Amino acid sequence: MRRRPGSPRRPQSSRTVLGLLVLACVTVMVLDANADESSPVDPLRAGVGAVLGPVESATGTAVRPLRELPESVRTQSSLRAELRELERTNAVLRQELATTALDRNRAAELDGLLQTVEDTGYAVVPARVVGYGAAQSFSRTVTIDAGTTSGIQADQTVLSDAGLVGRVLRVDRRTATVLLVADADSVVGGRLASSMELGFVRGRGDVGGRGRLDLDLADGSVVPGRGDVVVTWGSRAGAPYVAGIPIGIVRAVYSTPRDLAKRAVVEPLVDFTALDLVGVVVPEGTTSDRAVLGAEDSP
């Protein structure tokens, strides 16, 4: 019987088509399984691979970042944590290095100060510089952390491991102000170590690397030698300056048309901008709230 147009297909026809497809698939599978070397379906398999291979590769490339995203997030978080830990470790190491350098410098200063005490035989109260005079005051001073309770008085000599620093200008219970020898109002009696010639060392007010002092000798006919060491000649009763403390080294000699005598330019031995540990020369037997260096019988 002829099917009318528009009428549905018969179920038997669909089952027939499905059966033929299944039979064809089974046949292909049997032929492919029984093939020794090459299979009759190899050309078909190669064709399908050539068509679908690039699609699969492109799809894998596109979705790879999505698959790797969780691992990337975990890796980034781990790297940030490691970076923070390295930064903390680096900060600790920098602090330890700075502390070690400071301790090393202070230990060297203390050793030098002890050697100065041994060489000169003076009793010295150690102190640290805790303040620097303002440049606007036109006065070159520093503040130390020792006062009358440490046995400090005005007009006492202040020195360091390198040489003469200055003299105590004023003092209270816990601190003292020291006038540096580089101050423009500072005048120190000095002598040339080589010839013992006497003179006066005056400050210029400069404390930096180019800061210099001037030496005027009492004997105008004497010409200071370059490289000669200038030391303090000392004051009566050791105030304000004791004798024999190095001040500086002669670096140049000059004169002006009005001057008959030669003047010497002296480079101070002390770096006034890097002062830390200093010593104040005190009389033997001074009562102090801290150890007095070089005074075995001090309390």
C-alpha atoms as a PDB file:
ATOM      1  CA  MET A   1       0.000   0.000   0.000  1.00  0.00           C
ATOM      2  CA  ARG A   2       1.458   3.366  -1.004  1.00  0.00           C
ATOM      3  CA  ARG A   3       2.129   5.869   1.867  1.00  0.00           C
ATOM      4  CA  ARG A   4       0.325   9.082   1.598  1.00  0.00           C
ATOM      5  CA  PRO A   5       2.300  12.318   1.694  1.00  0.00           C
ATOM      6  CA  GLY A   6       2.621  13.822   5.160  1.00  0.00           C
ATOM      7  CA  SER A   7       1.930  10.509   6.928  1.00  0.00           C
ATOM      8  CA  PRO A   8       4.482   9.372   9.589  1.00  0.00           C
ATOM      9  CA  ARG A   9       7.162   6.760   8.814  1.00  0.00           C
ATOM     10  CA  ARG A  10       6.513   3.309   9.957  1.00  0.00           C
ATOM     11  CA  PRO A  11       8.342   2.131  13.050  1.00  0.00           C
ATOM     12  CA  GLN A  12       9.587  -0.924  11.172  1.00  0.00           C
ATOM     13  CA  SER A  13      11.604   1.232   8.746  1.00  0.00           C
ATOM     14  CA  SER A  14      13.463   2.953  11.646  1.00  0.00           C
ATOM     15  CA  ARG A  15      14.260  -0.365  13.213  1.00  0.00           C
ATOM     16  CA  THR A  16      15.560  -1.629   9.902  1.00  0.00           C
ATOM     17  CA  VAL A  17      17.902   1.365   9.498  1.00  0.00           C
ATOM     18  CA  LEU A  18      19.138   1.006  13.076  1.00  0.00           C
ATOM     19  CA  GLY A  19      19.789  -2.680  12.541  1.00  0.00           C
ATOM     20  CA  LEU A  20      21.790  -1.999   9.410  1.00  0.00           C
ATOM     21  CA  LEU A  21      23.936   0.626  11.244  1.00  0.00           C
ATOM     22  CA  VAL A  22      24.626  -1.768  14.104  1.00  0.00           C
ATOM     23  CA  LEU A  23      25.524  -4.527  11.642  1.00  0.00           C
ATOM     24  CA  ALA A  24      27.877  -2.167   9.801  1.00  0.00           C
ATOM     25  CA  CYS A  25      29.603  -1.135  13.042  1.00  0.00           C
ATOM     26  CA  VAL A  26      30.042  -4.759  14.117  1.00  0.00           C
ATOM     27  CA  THR A  27      31.444  -5.619  10.694  1.00  0.00           C
ATOM     28  CA  VAL A  28      33.969  -2.754  10.870  1.00  0.00           C
ATOM     29  CA  MET A  29      35.023  -3.771  14.376  1.00  0.00           C
ATOM     30  CA  VAL A  30      35.522  -7.425  13.313  1.00  0.00           C
ATOM     31  CA  LEU A  31      37.560  -6.405  10.290  1.00  0.00           C
ATOM     32  CA  ASP A  32      39.694  -4.007  12.388  1.00  0.00           C
ATOM     33  CA  ALA A  33      40.274  -6.617  15.110  1.00  0.00           C
ATOM     34  CA  ASN A  34      41.231  -9.412  12.671  1.00  0.00           C
ATOM     35  CA  ALA A  35      43.634  -7.267  10.653  1.00  0.00           C
ATOM     36  CA  ASP A  36      47.257  -8.338  11.137  1.00  0.00           C
ATOM     37  CA  GLU A  37      49.124  -5.214  10.107  1.00  0.00           C
ATOM     38  CA  SER A  38      46.869  -2.726   8.427  1.00  0.00           C
ATOM     39  CA  SER A  39      43.178  -2.315   8.906  1.00  0.00           C
ATOM     40  CA  PRO A  40      40.673  -1.435   6.213  1.00  0.00           C
ATOM     41  CA  VAL A  41      39.414   1.333   8.463  1.00  0.00           C
ATOM     42  CA  ASP A  42      42.852   2.956   8.878  1.00  0.00           C
ATOM     43  CA  PRO A  43      42.214   5.503   6.104  1.00  0.00           C
ATOM     44  CA  LEU A  44      38.931   6.449   7.730  1.00  0.00           C
ATOM     45  CA  ARG A  45      40.573   6.685  11.168  1.00  0.00           C
ATOM     46  CA  ALA A  46      43.366   8.859   9.756  1.00  0.00           C
ATOM     47  CA  GLY A  47      40.872  11.145   8.049  1.00  0.00           C
ATOM     48  CA  VAL A  48      38.870  11.614  11.221  1.00  0.00           C
ATOM     49  CA  GLY A  49      42.075  12.256  13.157  1.00  0.00           C
ATOM     50  CA  ALA A  50      43.218  14.851  10.641  1.00  0.00           C
ATOM     51  CA  VAL A  51      39.905  16.674  10.974  1.00  0.00           C
ATOM     52  CA  LEU A  52      39.370  16.417  14.728  1.00  0.00           C
ATOM     53  CA  GLY A  53      43.047  16.557  15.857  1.00  0.00           C
ATOM     54  CA  PRO A  54      43.535  20.324  15.416  1.00  0.00           C
ATOM     55  CA  VAL A  55      40.157  20.947  17.015  1.00  0.00           C
ATOM     56  CA  GLU A  56      41.131  18.852  20.049  1.00  0.00           C
ATOM     57  CA  SER A  57      44.533  20.585  20.295  1.00  0.00           C
ATOM     58  CA  ALA A  58      43.000  24.050  20.096  1.00  0.00           C
ATOM     59  CA  THR A  59      40.373  23.126  22.664  1.00  0.00           C
ATOM     60  CA  GLY A  60      43.067  21.791  25.021  1.00  0.00           C
ATOM     61  CA  THR A  61      45.102  24.970  24.628  1.00  0.00           C
ATOM     62  CA  ALA A  62      42.074  27.125  25.323  1.00  0.00           C
ATOM     63  CA  VAL A  63      40.990  25.310  28.464  1.00  0.00           C
ATOM     64  CA  ARG A  64      44.518  24.691  29.865  1.00  0.00           C
ATOM     65  CA  PRO A  65      44.644  28.080  31.720  1.00  0.00           C
ATOM     66  CA  LEU A  66      41.305  27.262  33.300  1.00  0.00           C
ATOM     67  CA  ARG A  67      42.570  23.854  34.456  1.00  0.00           C
ATOM     68  CA  GLU A  68      45.813  25.362  35.793  1.00  0.00           C
ATOM     69  CA  LEU A  69      44.161  28.380  37.458  1.00  0.00           C
ATOM     70  CA  PRO A  70      43.730  26.802  40.943  1.00  0.00           C
ATOM     71  CA  GLU A  71      47.344  25.606  40.973  1.00  0.00           C
ATOM     72  CA  SER A  72      48.537  29.025  39.767  1.00  0.00           C
ATOM     73  CA  VAL A  73      46.627  30.739  42.572  1.00  0.00           C
ATOM     74  CA  ARG A  74      48.174  28.380  45.127  1.00  0.00           C
ATOM     75  CA  THR A  75      51.657  28.984  43.663  1.00  0.00           C
ATOM     76  CA  GLN A  76      51.247  32.777  43.668  1.00  0.00           C
ATOM     77  CA  SER A  77      50.062  32.726  47.287  1.00  0.00           C
ATOM     78  CA  SER A  78      53.032  30.537  48.270  1.00  0.00           C
ATOM     79  CA  LEU A  79      55.470  32.851  46.488  1.00  0.00           C
ATOM     80  CA  ARG A  80      54.010  35.911  48.217  1.00  0.00           C
ATOM     81  CA  ALA A  81      54.348  34.193  51.598  1.00  0.00           C
ATOM     82  CA  GLU A  82      57.968  33.260  50.831  1.00  0.00           C
ATOM     83  CA  LEU A  83      58.676  36.821  49.712  1.00  0.00           C
ATOM     84  CA  ARG A  84      57.271  38.247  52.958  1.00  0.00           C
ATOM     85  CA  GLU A  85      59.365  35.799  54.966  1.00  0.00           C
ATOM     86  CA  LEU A  86      62.500  36.721  53.003  1.00  0.00           C
ATOM     87  CA  GLU A  87      61.803  40.427  53.581  1.00  0.00           C
ATOM     88  CA  ARG A  88      61.437  39.838  57.328  1.00  0.00           C
ATOM     89  CA  THR A  89      64.651  37.806  57.398  1.00  0.00           C
ATOM     90  CA  ASN A  90      66.464  40.478  55.412  1.00  0.00           C
ATOM     91  CA  ALA A  91      65.282  43.203  57.805  1.00  0.00           C
ATOM     92  CA  VAL A  92      66.508  41.178  60.800  1.00  0.00           C
ATOM     93  CA  LEU A  93      69.882  40.603  59.155  1.00  0.00           C
ATOM     94  CA  ARG A  94      70.249  44.310  58.341  1.00  0.00           C
ATOM     95  CA  GLN A  95      69.434  45.216  61.942  1.00  0.00           C
ATOM     96  CA  GLU A  96      71.909  42.657  63.276  1.00  0.00           C
ATOM     97  CA  LEU A  97      74.579  43.920  60.891  1.00  0.00           C
ATOM     98  CA  ALA A  98      74.004  47.544  61.936  1.00  0.00           C
ATOM     99  CA  THR A  99      74.068  46.577  65.617  1.00  0.00           C
ATOM    100  CA  THR A 100      77.196  44.534  65.152  1.00  0.00           C
ATOM    101  CA  ALA A 101      78.952  47.411  63.364  1.00  0.00           C
ATOM    102  CA  LEU A 102      77.920  49.860  66.101  1.00  0.00           C
ATOM    103  CA  ASP A 103      79.085  47.525  68.866  1.00  0.00           C
ATOM    104  CA  ARG A 104      82.360  46.959  67.048  1.00  0.00           C
ATOM    105  CA  ASN A 105      82.998  50.693  66.660  1.00  0.00           C
ATOM    106  CA  ARG A 106      82.138  51.400  70.287  1.00  0.00           C
ATOM    107  CA  ALA A 107      84.376  48.584  71.471  1.00  0.00           C
ATOM    108  CA  ALA A 108      87.232  50.054  69.426  1.00  0.00           C
ATOM    109  CA  GLU A 109      86.582  53.522  70.899  1.00  0.00           C
ATOM    110  CA  LEU A 110      86.610  52.107  74.427  1.00  0.00           C
ATOM    111  CA  ASP A 111      89.858  50.272  73.762  1.00  0.00           C
ATOM    112  CA  GLY A 112      91.358  53.492  72.415  1.00  0.00           C
ATOM    113  CA  LEU A 113      90.144  55.507  75.393  1.00  0.00           C
ATOM    114  CA  LEU A 114      91.606  52.946  77.807  1.00  0.00           C
ATOM    115  CA  GLN A 115      94.905  53.160  75.942  1.00  0.00           C
ATOM    116  CA  THR A 116      94.841  56.971  76.219  1.00  0.00           C
ATOM    117  CA  VAL A 117      94.224  56.679  79.961  1.00  0.00           C
ATOM    118  CA  GLU A 118      97.149  54.277  80.276  1.00  0.00           C
ATOM    119  CA  ASP A 119      99.458  56.488  78.195  1.00  0.00           C
ATOM    120  CA  THR A 120      98.618  59.756  79.984  1.00  0.00           C
ATOM    121  CA  GLY A 121      97.945  58.502  83.504  1.00  0.00           C
ATOM    122  CA  TYR A 122      94.859  60.706  83.880  1.00  0.00           C
ATOM    123  CA  ALA A 123      91.642  59.619  85.602  1.00  0.00           C
ATOM    124  CA  VAL A 124      88.774  59.781  83.128  1.00  0.00           C
ATOM    125  CA  VAL A 125      84.991  59.560  83.455  1.00  0.00           C
ATOM    126  CA  PRO A 126      83.527  57.974  80.290  1.00  0.00           C
ATOM    127  CA  ALA A 127      80.483  59.592  78.702  1.00  0.00           C
ATOM    128  CA  ARG A 128      78.530  59.480  75.470  1.00  0.00           C
ATOM    129  CA  VAL A 129      77.593  62.357  73.200  1.00  0.00           C
ATOM    130  CA  VAL A 130      73.800  62.685  73.221  1.00  0.00           C
ATOM    131  CA  GLY A 131      73.298  66.058  71.565  1.00  0.00           C
ATOM    132  CA  TYR A 132      74.855  68.446  69.079  1.00  0.00           C
ATOM    133  CA  GLY A 133      74.690  72.236  69.311  1.00  0.00           C
ATOM    134  CA  ALA A 134      72.511  73.961  66.721  1.00  0.00           C
ATOM    135  CA  ALA A 135      74.360  75.605  63.854  1.00  0.00           C
ATOM    136  CA  GLN A 136      72.140  78.690  64.213  1.00  0.00           C
ATOM    137  CA  SER A 137      73.776  79.439  67.560  1.00  0.00           C
ATOM    138  CA  PHE A 138      77.166  79.947  65.858  1.00  0.00           C
ATOM    139  CA  SER A 139      78.618  77.868  68.678  1.00  0.00           C
ATOM    140  CA  ARG A 140      80.182  74.437  68.255  1.00  0.00           C
ATOM    141  CA  THR A 141      79.130  72.398  71.272  1.00  0.00           C
ATOM    142  CA  VAL A 142      78.002  68.877  72.131  1.00  0.00           C
ATOM    143  CA  THR A 143      76.034  67.516  75.078  1.00  0.00           C
ATOM    144  CA  ILE A 144      77.273  64.476  77.023  1.00  0.00           C
ATOM    145  CA  ASP A 145      75.288  62.195  79.325  1.00  0.00           C
ATOM    146  CA  ALA A 146      77.386  62.833  82.457  1.00  0.00           C
ATOM    147  CA  GLY A 147      76.978  65.642  84.978  1.00  0.00           C
ATOM    148  CA  THR A 148      77.763  66.548  88.554  1.00  0.00           C
ATOM    149  CA  THR A 149      76.574  63.168  89.841  1.00  0.00           C
ATOM    150  CA  SER A 150      79.351  61.640  87.733  1.00  0.00           C
ATOM    151  CA  GLY A 151      81.960  64.033  89.136  1.00  0.00           C
ATOM    152  CA  ILE A 152      81.930  66.409  86.155  1.00  0.00           C
ATOM    153  CA  GLN A 153      82.681  70.116  86.693  1.00  0.00           C
ATOM    154  CA  ALA A 154      83.117  73.127  84.441  1.00  0.00           C
ATOM    155  CA  ASP A 155      86.505  73.723  82.791  1.00  0.00           C
ATOM    156  CA  GLN A 156      87.519  70.069  82.640  1.00  0.00           C
ATOM    157  CA  THR A 157      89.289  68.558  79.641  1.00  0.00           C
ATOM    158  CA  VAL A 158      87.269  66.365  77.290  1.00  0.00           C
ATOM    159  CA  LEU A 159      89.086  63.906  75.030  1.00  0.00           C
ATOM    160  CA  SER A 160      88.457  60.855  72.879  1.00  0.00           C
ATOM    161  CA  ASP A 161      90.571  57.954  71.719  1.00  0.00           C
ATOM    162  CA  ALA A 162      91.805  60.189  68.863  1.00  0.00           C
ATOM    163  CA  GLY A 163      92.747  63.331  70.778  1.00  0.00           C
ATOM    164  CA  LEU A 164      91.429  66.567  72.259  1.00  0.00           C
ATOM    165  CA  VAL A 165      87.678  67.212  71.940  1.00  0.00           C
ATOM    166  CA  GLY A 166      87.251  70.399  74.002  1.00  0.00           C
ATOM    167  CA  ARG A 167      86.378  71.525  77.514  1.00  0.00           C
ATOM    168  CA  VAL A 168      83.309  71.400  79.753  1.00  0.00           C
ATOM    169  CA  LEU A 169      81.468  74.706  79.370  1.00  0.00           C
ATOM    170  CA  ARG A 170      78.569  74.195  81.782  1.00  0.00           C
ATOM    171  CA  VAL A 171      77.141  71.272  83.712  1.00  0.00           C
ATOM    172  CA  ASP A 172      73.996  70.117  85.524  1.00  0.00           C
ATOM    173  CA  ARG A 173      73.216  66.954  87.455  1.00  0.00           C
ATOM    174  CA  ARG A 174      72.912  64.552  84.539  1.00  0.00           C
ATOM    175  CA  THR A 175      74.437  66.283  81.500  1.00  0.00           C
ATOM    176  CA  ALA A 176      77.185  68.677  80.514  1.00  0.00           C
ATOM    177  CA  THR A 177      77.833  70.974  77.553  1.00  0.00           C
ATOM    178  CA  VAL A 178      81.245  70.692  75.895  1.00  0.00           C
ATOM    179  CA  LEU A 179      82.790  73.516  73.844  1.00  0.00           C
ATOM    180  CA  LEU A 180      84.667  71.959  70.921  1.00  0.00           C
ATOM    181  CA  VAL A 181      88.198  73.112  70.107  1.00  0.00           C
ATOM    182  CA  ALA A 182      86.891  73.827  66.593  1.00  0.00           C
ATOM    183  CA  ASP A 183      84.628  76.596  67.923  1.00  0.00           C
ATOM    184  CA  ALA A 184      85.596  80.088  66.759  1.00  0.00           C
ATOM    185  CA  ASP A 185      85.856  81.270  70.395  1.00  0.00           C
ATOM    186  CA  SER A 186      88.070  78.364  71.441  1.00  0.00           C
ATOM    187  CA  VAL A 187      91.746  79.059  72.248  1.00  0.00           C
ATOM    188  CA  VAL A 188      93.990  76.213  73.410  1.00  0.00           C
ATOM    189  CA  GLY A 189      97.609  76.419  74.457  1.00  0.00           C
ATOM    190  CA  GLY A 190      99.570  74.058  72.218  1.00  0.00           C
ATOM    191  CA  ARG A 191     103.113  73.080  71.415  1.00  0.00           C
ATOM    192  CA  LEU A 192     104.926  71.438  68.548  1.00  0.00           C
ATOM    193  CA  ALA A 193     105.885  67.913  69.552  1.00  0.00           C
ATOM    194  CA  SER A 194     109.115  68.028  67.529  1.00  0.00           C
ATOM    195  CA  SER A 195     110.565  71.314  68.825  1.00  0.00           C
ATOM    196  CA  MET A 196     108.443  71.904  71.977  1.00  0.00           C
ATOM    197  CA  GLU A 197     107.730  75.432  70.681  1.00  0.00           C
ATOM    198  CA  LEU A 198     104.667  77.008  72.307  1.00  0.00           C
ATOM    199  CA  GLY A 199     101.739  78.689  70.639  1.00  0.00           C
ATOM    200  CA  PHE A 200      97.986  79.112  70.610  1.00  0.00           C
ATOM    201  CA  VAL A 201      95.528  76.959  68.669  1.00  0.00           C
ATOM    202  CA  ARG A 202      92.373  78.753  67.588  1.00  0.00           C
ATOM    203  CA  GLY A 203      89.228  77.295  66.093  1.00  0.00           C
ATOM    204  CA  ARG A 204      87.642  78.470  62.872  1.00  0.00           C
ATOM    205  CA  GLY A 205      84.102  77.321  63.628  1.00  0.00           C
ATOM    206  CA  ASP A 206      84.192  74.523  61.048  1.00  0.00           C
ATOM    207  CA  VAL A 207      83.660  70.928  62.170  1.00  0.00           C
ATOM    208  CA  GLY A 208      83.291  69.078  58.845  1.00  0.00           C
ATOM    209  CA  GLY A 209      85.873  67.208  56.834  1.00  0.00           C
ATOM    210  CA  ARG A 210      87.545  70.471  55.781  1.00  0.00           C
ATOM    211  CA  GLY A 211      87.458  71.966  59.273  1.00  0.00           C
ATOM    212  CA  ARG A 212      90.862  73.314  60.320  1.00  0.00           C
ATOM    213  CA  LEU A 213      92.540  75.053  63.264  1.00  0.00           C
ATOM    214  CA  ASP A 214      95.154  77.833  63.260  1.00  0.00           C
ATOM    215  CA  LEU A 215      98.389  77.721  65.253  1.00  0.00           C
ATOM    216  CA  ASP A 216     100.216  80.956  66.167  1.00  0.00           C
ATOM    217  CA  LEU A 217     103.635  80.322  67.700  1.00  0.00           C
ATOM    218  CA  ALA A 218     105.049  82.510  70.456  1.00  0.00           C
ATOM    219  CA  ASP A 219     108.401  82.717  68.651  1.00  0.00           C
ATOM    220  CA  GLY A 220     107.736  84.385  65.314  1.00  0.00           C
ATOM    221  CA  SER A 221     111.017  83.188  63.871  1.00  0.00           C
ATOM    222  CA  VAL A 222     110.059  79.517  64.152  1.00  0.00           C
ATOM    223  CA  VAL A 223     108.662  77.879  61.023  1.00  0.00           C
ATOM    224  CA  PRO A 224     106.420  74.889  61.828  1.00  0.00           C
ATOM    225  CA  GLY A 225     107.095  71.755  59.805  1.00  0.00           C
ATOM    226  CA  ARG A 226     104.394  70.022  57.811  1.00  0.00           C
ATOM    227  CA  GLY A 227     103.337  66.800  59.472  1.00  0.00           C
ATOM    228  CA  ASP A 228     104.374  68.026  62.925  1.00  0.00           C
ATOM    229  CA  VAL A 229     102.044  66.990  65.741  1.00  0.00           C
ATOM    230  CA  VAL A 230     100.526  69.677  67.978  1.00  0.00           C
ATOM    231  CA  VAL A 231      99.685  68.748  71.601  1.00  0.00           C
ATOM    232  CA  THR A 232      98.268  70.681  74.554  1.00  0.00           C
ATOM    233  CA  TRP A 233     100.863  72.354  76.768  1.00  0.00           C
ATOM    234  CA  GLY A 234      98.496  72.312  79.741  1.00  0.00           C
ATOM    235  CA  SER A 235      96.904  74.832  82.102  1.00  0.00           C
ATOM    236  CA  ARG A 236      97.520  75.584  85.754  1.00  0.00           C
ATOM    237  CA  ALA A 237      96.000  72.764  87.845  1.00  0.00           C
ATOM    238  CA  GLY A 238      94.965  71.094  84.578  1.00  0.00           C
ATOM    239  CA  ALA A 239      91.996  73.379  83.991  1.00  0.00           C
ATOM    240  CA  PRO A 240      90.668  73.818  81.437  1.00  0.00           C
ATOM    241  CA  TYR A 241      93.243  71.690  79.585  1.00  0.00           C
ATOM    242  CA  VAL A 242      95.655  69.058  80.826  1.00  0.00           C
ATOM    243  CA  ALA A 243      99.047  68.664  79.149  1.00  0.00           C
ATOM    244  CA  GLY A 244     100.131  66.229  76.460  1.00  0.00           C
ATOM    245  CA  ILE A 245      96.829  65.574  74.664  1.00  0.00           C
ATOM    246  CA  PRO A 246      97.196  65.470  70.845  1.00  0.00           C
ATOM    247  CA  ILE A 247      95.290  68.231  69.045  1.00  0.00           C
ATOM    248  CA  GLY A 248      96.157  67.845  65.387  1.00  0.00           C
ATOM    249  CA  ILE A 249      98.751  67.730  62.624  1.00  0.00           C
ATOM    250  CA  VAL A 250     100.308  70.673  60.760  1.00  0.00           C
ATOM    251  CA  ARG A 251      99.155  70.520  57.147  1.00  0.00           C
ATOM    252  CA  ALA A 252     100.290  73.908  55.792  1.00  0.00           C
ATOM    253  CA  VAL A 253     102.299  77.013  56.749  1.00  0.00           C
ATOM    254  CA  TYR A 254     101.491  80.539  55.585  1.00  0.00           C
ATOM    255  CA  SER A 255     101.951  84.210  56.433  1.00  0.00           C
ATOM    256  CA  THR A 256     100.298  87.499  55.468  1.00  0.00           C
ATOM    257  CA  PRO A 257     102.021  90.794  54.584  1.00  0.00           C
ATOM    258  CA  ARG A 258     101.012  92.181  57.992  1.00  0.00           C
ATOM    259  CA  ASP A 259     102.360  89.167  59.873  1.00  0.00           C
ATOM    260  CA  LEU A 260     106.038  88.769  60.619  1.00  0.00           C
ATOM    261  CA  ALA A 261     105.497  85.270  62.002  1.00  0.00           C
ATOM    262  CA  LYS A 262     104.454  82.117  60.181  1.00  0.00           C
ATOM    263  CA  ARG A 263     101.087  80.547  60.880  1.00  0.00           C
ATOM    264  CA  ALA A 264     100.331  76.862  60.703  1.00  0.00           C
ATOM    265  CA  VAL A 265      97.130  75.253  59.489  1.00  0.00           C
ATOM    266  CA  VAL A 266      96.329  72.325  61.759  1.00  0.00           C
ATOM    267  CA  GLU A 267      94.085  69.405  60.855  1.00  0.00           C
ATOM    268  CA  PRO A 268      92.350  68.184  64.043  1.00  0.00           C
ATOM    269  CA  LEU A 269      92.744  64.524  64.912  1.00  0.00           C
ATOM    270  CA  VAL A 270      89.159  64.253  66.179  1.00  0.00           C
ATOM    271  CA  ASP A 271      86.227  63.864  63.804  1.00  0.00           C
ATOM    272  CA  PHE A 272      83.819  66.237  65.551  1.00  0.00           C
ATOM    273  CA  THR A 273      80.810  65.146  63.482  1.00  0.00           C
ATOM    274  CA  ALA A 274      81.181  61.477  64.495  1.00  0.00           C
ATOM    275  CA  LEU A 275      81.689  61.782  68.251  1.00  0.00           C
ATOM    276  CA  ASP A 276      80.241  59.064  70.453  1.00  0.00           C
ATOM    277  CA  LEU A 277      82.353  57.873  73.383  1.00  0.00           C
ATOM    278  CA  VAL A 278      84.429  60.561  75.109  1.00  0.00           C
ATOM    279  CA  GLY A 279      86.244  60.896  78.410  1.00  0.00           C
ATOM    280  CA  VAL A 280      86.276  63.784  80.893  1.00  0.00           C
ATOM    281  CA  VAL A 281      89.536  64.170  82.819  1.00  0.00           C
ATOM    282  CA  VAL A 282      88.796  64.396  86.555  1.00  0.00           C
ATOM    283  CA  PRO A 283      91.012  64.673  89.658  1.00  0.00           C
ATOM    284  CA  GLU A 284      92.159  61.484  91.343  1.00  0.00           C
ATOM    285  CA  GLY A 285      89.697  60.274  93.971  1.00  0.00           C
ATOM    286  CA  THR A 286      86.667  61.841  92.254  1.00  0.00           C
ATOM    287  CA  THR A 287      83.352  60.433  93.482  1.00  0.00           C
ATOM    288  CA  SER A 288      81.261  59.298  90.527  1.00  0.00           C
ATOM    289  CA  ASP A 289      78.110  57.297  89.850  1.00  0.00           C
ATOM    290  CA  ARG A 290      80.017  55.415  87.166  1.00  0.00           C
ATOM    291  CA  ALA A 291      83.392  53.719  86.884  1.00  0.00           C
ATOM    292  CA  VAL A 292      86.323  56.128  86.629  1.00  0.00           C
ATOM    293  CA  LEU A 293      88.891  54.836  84.165  1.00  0.00           C
ATOM    294  CA  GLY A 294      92.492  54.891  85.315  1.00  0.00           C
ATOM    295  CA  ALA A 295      91.635  55.494  88.967  1.00  0.00           C
ATOM    296  CA  GLU A 296      92.135  52.258  90.872  1.00  0.00           C
ATOM    297  CA  ASP A 297      91.293  53.814  94.213  1.00  0.00           C
ATOM    298  CA  SER A 298      88.088  55.531  93.015  1.00  0.00           C
ATOM    299  CA  PRO A 299      84.837  54.337  94.576  1.00  0.00           C
END
